[in-house]
N, C-alpha and C. Protein backbone atom coordinates (compact mmCIF):
# COMPACT_ATOMS: atom_id res chain seq x y z
N MET A 1 31.12 -3.26 -5.68
CA MET A 1 29.64 -2.96 -6.15
C MET A 1 28.91 -3.81 -7.20
N ARG A 2 28.28 -4.50 -7.44
CA ARG A 2 28.01 -5.18 -8.81
C ARG A 2 26.95 -3.79 -9.56
N ASP A 3 27.41 -4.13 -10.94
CA ASP A 3 26.26 -2.92 -11.74
C ASP A 3 24.70 -2.99 -11.19
N GLU A 4 24.92 -4.07 -10.87
CA GLU A 4 23.11 -4.54 -10.44
C GLU A 4 22.71 -3.18 -9.03
N GLU A 5 23.75 -3.96 -8.28
CA GLU A 5 23.37 -3.42 -6.89
C GLU A 5 23.68 -1.78 -6.85
N THR A 6 24.42 -0.96 -7.74
CA THR A 6 24.30 0.24 -8.29
C THR A 6 23.07 0.57 -8.54
N ALA A 7 22.87 0.28 -9.73
CA ALA A 7 21.02 0.61 -10.18
C ALA A 7 20.00 0.65 -9.13
N GLU A 8 20.05 -0.75 -8.21
CA GLU A 8 19.35 -0.71 -7.75
C GLU A 8 19.72 0.63 -6.11
N LEU A 9 20.70 1.04 -6.16
CA LEU A 9 20.86 2.03 -5.10
C LEU A 9 20.26 3.65 -5.50
N VAL A 10 20.61 3.16 -7.45
CA VAL A 10 19.93 4.32 -7.82
C VAL A 10 18.53 4.88 -7.92
N ILE A 11 17.99 3.31 -7.85
CA ILE A 11 16.49 4.05 -8.31
C ILE A 11 16.29 4.04 -6.88
N ASP A 12 16.58 3.04 -5.65
CA ASP A 12 15.93 3.16 -4.32
C ASP A 12 15.97 4.83 -3.75
N ARG A 13 17.34 6.28 -4.20
CA ARG A 13 17.17 6.57 -4.13
C ARG A 13 16.53 8.11 -4.89
N LEU A 14 16.24 7.26 -6.37
CA LEU A 14 15.06 8.05 -7.29
C LEU A 14 13.66 8.17 -6.65
N LEU A 15 13.49 6.82 -5.92
CA LEU A 15 12.10 7.18 -5.25
C LEU A 15 12.08 7.31 -3.88
N ARG A 16 12.97 7.38 -3.48
CA ARG A 16 12.57 8.32 -2.07
C ARG A 16 13.05 10.30 -2.82
N ALA A 17 13.53 9.89 -3.56
CA ALA A 17 13.57 11.77 -3.97
C ALA A 17 11.87 12.32 -4.63
N LEU A 18 11.29 11.23 -5.39
CA LEU A 18 10.47 11.42 -5.53
C LEU A 18 9.25 11.23 -4.86
N ALA A 19 8.99 10.50 -3.88
CA ALA A 19 8.71 10.40 -2.36
C ALA A 19 8.06 11.43 -1.78
N ALA A 20 9.59 11.65 -0.86
CA ALA A 20 10.08 13.51 -0.85
C ALA A 20 9.19 14.27 -1.23
N GLN A 21 9.30 14.38 -2.44
CA GLN A 21 8.55 15.78 -3.31
C GLN A 21 7.38 15.51 -3.46
N LEU A 22 6.52 14.52 -3.76
CA LEU A 22 5.72 14.08 -3.54
C LEU A 22 4.86 14.16 -1.88
N ASP A 23 5.48 14.50 -0.98
CA ASP A 23 5.36 14.48 0.25
C ASP A 23 5.22 15.67 0.88
N THR A 24 6.14 16.43 0.24
CA THR A 24 6.13 17.86 1.15
C THR A 24 5.48 19.09 0.20
N SER A 25 5.05 18.21 -1.30
CA SER A 25 4.13 19.27 -1.97
C SER A 25 2.81 19.79 -1.57
N GLY A 26 1.99 21.17 -1.23
CA GLY A 26 1.04 21.46 -1.49
C GLY A 26 0.16 20.91 -1.82
N CYS A 27 0.33 19.85 -2.82
CA CYS A 27 -1.33 18.99 -3.35
C CYS A 27 -0.30 17.96 -3.62
N PRO A 28 -0.37 16.84 -3.10
CA PRO A 28 -0.06 15.10 -3.51
C PRO A 28 -0.34 14.80 -4.43
N ALA A 29 0.05 15.18 -6.00
CA ALA A 29 -0.11 14.53 -6.60
C ALA A 29 0.64 15.16 -7.59
N LEU A 30 1.36 13.59 -8.69
CA LEU A 30 2.43 13.78 -9.19
C LEU A 30 2.50 15.40 -9.99
N THR A 31 3.42 15.43 -10.81
CA THR A 31 3.62 16.76 -12.08
C THR A 31 2.88 16.08 -13.04
N ALA A 32 2.47 17.21 -14.00
CA ALA A 32 1.81 16.44 -15.35
C ALA A 32 2.93 15.67 -16.51
N GLY A 33 4.17 16.12 -16.12
CA GLY A 33 5.20 15.69 -16.29
C GLY A 33 6.09 14.22 -15.72
N ALA A 34 5.92 14.52 -14.92
CA ALA A 34 5.67 13.06 -13.84
C ALA A 34 4.85 12.27 -14.15
N VAL A 35 4.13 12.25 -14.52
CA VAL A 35 2.71 11.46 -14.96
C VAL A 35 2.94 10.94 -16.40
N GLU A 36 3.73 11.72 -17.68
CA GLU A 36 3.56 11.46 -18.49
C GLU A 36 4.63 10.29 -18.88
N ALA A 37 5.73 10.81 -17.28
CA ALA A 37 7.14 9.79 -17.34
C ALA A 37 6.06 8.90 -17.19
N LEU A 38 5.43 8.06 -16.32
CA LEU A 38 5.11 7.19 -16.13
C LEU A 38 4.41 6.53 -16.28
N ALA A 39 3.16 7.29 -17.54
CA ALA A 39 2.23 6.13 -18.69
C ALA A 39 3.18 5.35 -19.07
N ASP A 40 2.36 4.33 -19.24
CA ASP A 40 2.54 3.12 -20.46
C ASP A 40 3.37 2.59 -19.96
N LEU A 41 3.74 2.28 -18.84
CA LEU A 41 5.06 1.80 -18.16
C LEU A 41 4.92 -0.24 -18.68
N SER A 42 5.61 -0.59 -19.27
CA SER A 42 5.55 -2.03 -19.44
C SER A 42 6.04 -2.73 -18.19
N ARG A 43 5.78 -4.08 -18.19
CA ARG A 43 5.29 -4.93 -17.13
C ARG A 43 7.03 -4.76 -16.14
N ALA A 44 7.84 -4.68 -17.41
CA ALA A 44 9.05 -5.16 -16.86
C ALA A 44 9.30 -3.56 -16.32
N GLN A 45 8.92 -2.79 -17.01
CA GLN A 45 9.70 -1.04 -15.90
C GLN A 45 8.61 -1.45 -15.07
N ALA A 46 7.04 -1.71 -15.04
CA ALA A 46 6.44 -1.68 -14.12
C ALA A 46 6.48 -2.79 -12.45
N ASP A 47 7.05 -3.69 -12.98
CA ASP A 47 8.34 -4.91 -11.97
C ASP A 47 9.75 -3.62 -11.23
N VAL A 48 10.25 -3.17 -12.66
CA VAL A 48 11.36 -2.48 -11.01
C VAL A 48 11.02 -1.71 -10.49
N ILE A 49 10.12 -0.40 -10.76
CA ILE A 49 9.74 0.31 -10.10
C ILE A 49 9.47 -0.14 -8.90
N PHE A 50 7.92 -0.85 -8.62
CA PHE A 50 7.33 -1.29 -7.69
C PHE A 50 8.24 -2.11 -6.83
N GLY A 51 8.70 -3.41 -7.55
CA GLY A 51 9.80 -4.23 -7.11
C GLY A 51 10.55 -3.29 -6.11
N GLN A 52 11.36 -2.48 -6.29
CA GLN A 52 12.18 -1.26 -5.56
C GLN A 52 11.54 -0.78 -4.89
N ALA A 53 10.17 0.12 -4.90
CA ALA A 53 9.34 1.06 -4.11
C ALA A 53 8.87 -0.62 -2.87
N GLY A 54 8.19 -1.66 -3.25
CA GLY A 54 7.92 -2.76 -1.97
C GLY A 54 8.95 -2.65 -0.96
N HIS A 55 10.29 -3.06 -1.66
CA HIS A 55 11.37 -3.12 -0.99
C HIS A 55 11.78 -2.22 -0.04
N LEU A 56 11.65 -0.83 -0.72
CA LEU A 56 11.90 0.02 0.39
C LEU A 56 10.73 0.01 1.46
N VAL A 57 9.54 -0.03 1.10
CA VAL A 57 8.24 -0.13 2.19
C VAL A 57 8.77 -0.93 3.05
N HIS A 58 8.76 -1.85 2.57
CA HIS A 58 8.95 -3.42 3.29
C HIS A 58 10.35 -2.99 4.55
N TYR A 59 10.89 -2.33 3.88
CA TYR A 59 12.14 -2.47 4.61
C TYR A 59 13.06 -1.41 4.77
N GLY A 60 12.25 -0.05 4.49
CA GLY A 60 12.68 1.33 4.74
C GLY A 60 11.65 1.72 6.27
N ALA A 61 12.20 3.61 6.54
CA ALA A 61 11.82 3.94 8.47
C ALA A 61 10.90 4.83 7.52
N ASP A 62 10.67 5.58 6.83
CA ASP A 62 9.48 6.69 6.39
C ASP A 62 9.06 6.12 5.49
N THR A 63 7.59 5.15 5.38
CA THR A 63 6.94 4.95 4.50
C THR A 63 5.80 5.54 3.95
N GLU A 64 5.69 6.04 4.82
CA GLU A 64 4.04 7.11 3.71
C GLU A 64 4.27 8.05 2.81
N PRO A 65 5.76 8.62 2.59
CA PRO A 65 5.82 8.90 1.02
C PRO A 65 5.86 8.11 -0.16
N LEU A 66 6.93 7.05 0.64
CA LEU A 66 6.92 6.31 -0.28
C LEU A 66 5.47 5.30 -0.67
N LYS A 67 4.48 4.76 0.39
CA LYS A 67 3.19 4.64 0.34
C LYS A 67 2.16 5.64 -0.79
N ALA A 68 2.59 7.00 -0.65
CA ALA A 68 1.88 7.55 -1.84
C ALA A 68 2.12 7.78 -3.23
N LEU A 69 3.63 7.95 -3.06
CA LEU A 69 4.15 7.55 -4.87
C LEU A 69 3.29 6.10 -5.26
N ILE A 70 3.52 5.45 -4.37
CA ILE A 70 3.28 3.71 -5.10
C ILE A 70 1.85 3.91 -5.38
N GLY A 71 0.86 5.07 -4.69
CA GLY A 71 -0.49 5.10 -4.68
C GLY A 71 -0.49 5.87 -5.94
N ALA A 72 0.12 6.55 -6.28
CA ALA A 72 -0.11 7.89 -7.51
C ALA A 72 0.31 7.18 -8.83
N ILE A 73 1.38 6.23 -8.61
CA ILE A 73 1.67 5.53 -9.64
C ILE A 73 0.95 4.63 -10.21
N THR A 74 0.39 3.95 -9.34
CA THR A 74 -0.59 2.72 -9.87
C THR A 74 -2.48 3.54 -10.10
N ALA A 75 -2.65 4.93 -9.47
CA ALA A 75 -3.68 5.67 -10.37
C ALA A 75 -3.16 5.86 -11.65
N ILE A 76 -1.86 6.09 -12.25
CA ILE A 76 -1.80 6.26 -13.40
C ILE A 76 -1.88 4.76 -14.14
N GLN A 77 -1.58 3.65 -13.62
CA GLN A 77 -1.90 2.50 -14.38
C GLN A 77 -3.17 2.52 -14.61
N ARG A 78 -4.05 2.58 -13.86
CA ARG A 78 -4.72 2.48 -13.40
C ARG A 78 -6.25 3.31 -14.60
N ASP A 79 -5.42 4.70 -14.82
CA ASP A 79 -6.00 4.80 -15.68
C ASP A 79 -5.79 4.98 -17.26
N GLU A 80 -4.80 3.99 -17.52
CA GLU A 80 -4.51 4.21 -18.59
C GLU A 80 -4.98 2.23 -18.91
N ALA A 81 -6.04 1.47 -17.80
CA ALA A 81 -6.52 0.21 -18.09
C ALA A 81 -8.29 0.74 -18.80
N PRO A 82 -7.92 -0.16 -19.49
CA PRO A 82 -9.41 -0.47 -20.68
C PRO A 82 -10.39 -0.13 -19.35
N ALA A 83 -11.33 0.20 -19.61
CA ALA A 83 -13.03 0.71 -18.66
C ALA A 83 -13.60 -0.71 -18.36
N ASP A 84 -13.37 -1.66 -19.55
CA ASP A 84 -14.29 -2.86 -19.14
C ASP A 84 -13.24 -4.81 -18.55
N ALA A 85 -12.01 -3.79 -18.14
CA ALA A 85 -10.95 -5.00 -17.56
C ALA A 85 -11.43 -5.48 -16.65
N VAL A 86 -11.50 -6.62 -16.20
CA VAL A 86 -12.23 -6.93 -15.23
C VAL A 86 -11.03 -6.85 -14.07
N VAL A 87 -9.57 -7.22 -13.59
CA VAL A 87 -8.90 -6.55 -13.48
C VAL A 87 -8.05 -4.99 -12.87
N LYS A 88 -7.75 -4.38 -12.06
CA LYS A 88 -7.19 -2.85 -12.80
C LYS A 88 -5.95 -2.87 -11.61
N PRO A 89 -5.57 -2.14 -11.66
CA PRO A 89 -4.20 -1.80 -10.85
C PRO A 89 -4.74 -1.07 -9.52
N GLY A 90 -4.66 -1.74 -8.73
CA GLY A 90 -5.02 -0.69 -7.57
C GLY A 90 -5.77 -1.74 -6.40
N ASP A 91 -6.44 -2.97 -7.50
CA ASP A 91 -7.52 -3.96 -7.15
C ASP A 91 -7.03 -4.89 -5.93
N GLU A 92 -7.59 -4.96 -4.82
CA GLU A 92 -7.49 -5.72 -3.62
C GLU A 92 -7.35 -7.44 -4.30
N VAL A 93 -6.91 -8.66 -4.57
CA VAL A 93 -7.05 -9.74 -4.60
C VAL A 93 -6.82 -10.79 -4.29
N ARG A 94 -7.34 -12.35 -4.27
CA ARG A 94 -7.09 -13.13 -3.16
C ARG A 94 -6.50 -14.22 -4.31
N LEU A 95 -5.42 -14.90 -4.04
CA LEU A 95 -5.50 -16.26 -4.92
C LEU A 95 -6.17 -17.52 -4.87
N VAL A 96 -6.76 -17.47 -5.73
CA VAL A 96 -8.30 -19.10 -5.88
C VAL A 96 -7.35 -19.71 -7.11
N GLY A 97 -8.01 -21.30 -6.92
CA GLY A 97 -7.75 -22.00 -7.85
C GLY A 97 -6.15 -22.69 -7.63
N GLU A 98 -6.05 -22.92 -8.34
CA GLU A 98 -4.29 -23.39 -8.98
C GLU A 98 -3.27 -22.73 -8.39
N VAL A 99 -2.37 -23.57 -7.87
CA VAL A 99 -0.92 -21.98 -7.25
C VAL A 99 -0.30 -22.11 -7.91
N PRO A 100 -0.13 -20.75 -9.23
CA PRO A 100 0.86 -20.95 -10.13
C PRO A 100 2.30 -21.18 -9.55
N GLU A 101 2.91 -21.86 -10.85
CA GLU A 101 4.41 -22.71 -10.88
C GLU A 101 5.25 -21.46 -10.22
N SER A 102 5.16 -19.95 -10.11
CA SER A 102 5.47 -19.02 -9.63
C SER A 102 5.91 -18.75 -7.86
N LEU A 103 4.73 -19.19 -7.75
CA LEU A 103 4.50 -19.13 -6.09
C LEU A 103 4.58 -20.29 -5.38
N ALA A 104 5.12 -21.56 -6.22
CA ALA A 104 5.11 -22.84 -5.54
C ALA A 104 5.85 -22.80 -4.32
N ASP A 105 6.66 -21.89 -4.44
CA ASP A 105 7.83 -22.49 -2.98
C ASP A 105 7.37 -21.78 -1.77
N TYR A 106 6.39 -21.02 -1.88
CA TYR A 106 5.58 -20.22 -0.67
C TYR A 106 4.53 -20.99 0.14
N ASP A 107 4.17 -21.19 1.37
CA ASP A 107 3.16 -21.73 2.18
C ASP A 107 1.93 -21.27 1.09
N GLU A 108 1.38 -22.44 0.61
CA GLU A 108 0.14 -22.28 0.45
C GLU A 108 -0.84 -22.17 1.06
N THR A 109 -1.19 -21.79 2.66
CA THR A 109 -2.20 -21.51 3.45
C THR A 109 -1.80 -19.88 3.20
N TRP A 110 -0.55 -19.55 3.24
CA TRP A 110 -0.40 -18.13 3.40
C TRP A 110 -0.76 -17.54 2.46
N LEU A 111 -0.34 -18.35 1.14
CA LEU A 111 -0.40 -17.43 -0.24
C LEU A 111 -2.37 -16.82 -0.51
N ARG A 112 -2.85 -18.51 0.47
CA ARG A 112 -4.87 -18.15 0.60
C ARG A 112 -5.18 -17.05 1.32
N GLU A 113 -4.30 -17.04 2.24
CA GLU A 113 -4.83 -15.66 3.49
C GLU A 113 -4.53 -14.18 3.13
N THR A 114 -3.35 -14.33 2.33
CA THR A 114 -2.91 -12.91 2.06
C THR A 114 -3.50 -12.31 0.51
N THR A 115 -4.04 -10.70 1.28
CA THR A 115 -4.40 -9.96 -0.02
C THR A 115 -3.56 -9.32 -0.26
N PHE A 116 -3.76 -9.44 -2.11
CA PHE A 116 -2.75 -8.47 -2.69
C PHE A 116 -3.20 -7.78 -3.75
N VAL A 117 -2.07 -6.67 -4.27
CA VAL A 117 -2.93 -5.45 -4.35
C VAL A 117 -2.06 -6.04 -5.88
N VAL A 118 -2.95 -5.78 -6.61
CA VAL A 118 -2.50 -5.38 -8.31
C VAL A 118 -1.79 -4.35 -8.60
N ARG A 119 -0.82 -4.51 -9.40
CA ARG A 119 0.20 -2.90 -9.61
C ARG A 119 0.71 -3.37 -11.38
N TYR A 120 0.28 -3.95 -11.64
CA TYR A 120 -0.39 -3.81 -13.06
C TYR A 120 -0.82 -5.41 -13.84
N VAL A 121 -1.36 -4.78 -15.15
CA VAL A 121 -1.68 -5.83 -15.73
C VAL A 121 -2.30 -5.34 -16.78
N GLY A 122 -1.05 -6.10 -17.90
CA GLY A 122 -1.09 -6.51 -19.20
C GLY A 122 -2.09 -6.45 -20.14
N ARG A 123 -2.27 -5.59 -21.65
CA ARG A 123 -3.02 -5.51 -22.46
C ARG A 123 -3.39 -7.01 -23.21
């Protein structure tokens, strides 16, 4: 097993554990320590967390706890966004204008019909 595969499996397990903890708590909210640990994520860190969580939601069996965890992390990112930001984490958006080079391999019709949820906005 490659180091990347091992890291992905560990992240999967940690995300499932956090989601399960959140799901079984009396109040479905992250603790202050969890919020502090997840606050001020960089783009790369958010990409790893949301990429793995999205993969689990897409292919996992019990997705509701994971969706709640994704929502809780998004709420932290949203609270940290500037009040006057045009787009914030959690906003639903659609692709308009020119298709970015990073999405050139996707079907343009599908891209324009898909509603995306913002998970990270840089400063």
